[in-house]
Amino acid sequence: MIDEIEARAATARAATGAPVLGPGAMQDQNPHDRPKRAKKSPAPLFHAFAQNARKLLLEAYSRFLTAFREAAESLKAGDLTARFPVGCFPPGLPFVTASL
């Protein structure tokens, strides 16, 4: 596995012309330094090992969200038996004061 990683790195260096850093330069680096330019792209909603897995997670989340919103609307309309998706926290009911 190490040979494969080294071969890929050598190919990438050859393609870009980037030199090997070397052990001395590695030791001279400050471990607390930050990169000069950081990535600005937002994090994905789900971290998944494959694009297909991410797509399935997004679809499942979409179905969950739709079911939650429908149940929340039913609850808001006065249906105290509204069924929420498993694993969610239904919104709280409004506070009702005792009539005197």
Foldseek 3Di string as FASTA:
>chain_A
DVVVVVVVVVVVCVVVVDDDCDDVNVVPDDPPDDDPDDDDDDDDPDDDPDPVVSVVVVVVVVVLVVLLVVLLVCVVVPPPPRDHDPPDDHDDDDDDDDDD
